Amino acid sequence: MAKRAIGSWFKQRWVGSQRHQATRHNTRGFTLLELLVATAIGGGIISGLMFMVVQLTNTDLRESSRSETQREMQLALDYISTELREAVYVYDGEQLATLSQYLPNAVANNNSVPVLAFWKHQPFPTWMRDRCRAQTSAQTPGIACASGSSYSLVVYSLSSANPGNIWSNNARITRYALTEFGSTANVLTQGYVNPGLNNNNFATWPFDANGNDLRLRPVGSGRPPGNLVGDPVTLVDYVDSVAPAGNNGRRDPSCPQDYQLTPSNATIQAVPAPLRNVRSFYACVSRRVDSGANQDVVLSIRGNVNGRPGYTIAGFRTVNADNTFANDTLPALETRVLTRGSLGRLPPQ
């Protein structure tokens, strides 16, 4: 009996000590060193994840900017190509240099270089069609009412002008159109000369065969004489404005045989900075053989993403040897257009 009592007492003491130790271990918690180590490990993991997120976000921004800029260049190229197909006459580089002397100052100046100029037919506005129906040919001298359309001069330029500071730090392509009639009733464009009334002599426009400046005595009812007027409108922004230098992917343009580069090398070299020698927008124009031939034009446009989201963050840009930024310039887009305009055309001899 005594042995059994002593054994039960030892058993109770041992079980109690084990329970006390287990309770003490369960309520002890973490030491400060353990907390610091866990915090450091967790912080490293979170920092790594955040760095990956930032890198992926900026990469996505840069790729989106490149895609959007390239898409805009393609849309601009398609727009110009569509209009160029209607052209009756396209000026080559040498002719364009002469024509630029008579364009408005807003079109050809220190900050704007005409690149492509052509004549196309433009339907009469509604008010002019109504006037032709209501009046006789004697009452509308110099106006080809029977055709229902007249010639319009279209000029595309590469411009670095930034009025109001609303555009990027790159260049832009602008469009200028010289039409015979304004959109408002009875408005005739100042200095407009219809080449169709001068034997379709586009090459020497605005002069006749005798060298007379027809802008000073335009044919038409009440048309005001004088220099051409009007302002261009911006077609697309973020066009590359850096001249070829070093091995940064830019190249000097080359045209097929019997094509002439426009603007000409002499023109682009004489342009004041910042557009001197810039060839991000140019054309190769086939020489006009006769009045019945279609002209073939090769167009090239190159964009630049400088200033777009993802390309303005310090530390994410690599500077080239010519102080330009790596990966800002996009591949050039090219297309070939065959003009199909027929107004005023003569059949081949």
Foldseek 3Di string as FASTA:
>chain_A
DVVVVVVVVVVVVVVVVVVVVVVCVVPVDDDPVVVVVVVVVVVVVVVVVVVVVVVVVLVVQLVVLQVVQVVLQVVLVVVVQVVQQQFLDKDFQVLVVVVLVQADCQADHLFKFWFIKTKGKDADAPLVLVVPVVDDCVVKWPDPNVVRIAIKMKTKIWGQDQPPVPADNFIFIWIDIGGQADNDHPGGFQLDAGCVVQLVPPSPPPAHPVRDRCLQPHITDPHHHDGGDDHIGTSDGQFHQQADDDPQPDDQDDDDPQWHKTNHLVRLCPRDPDRRNDPQWIKTWHDDDDLQDWIKMKIKHKGFSCPGRSNPDPPSWDADPVRDTHPRIDDMDMDMHIHDHDVSGDHDD
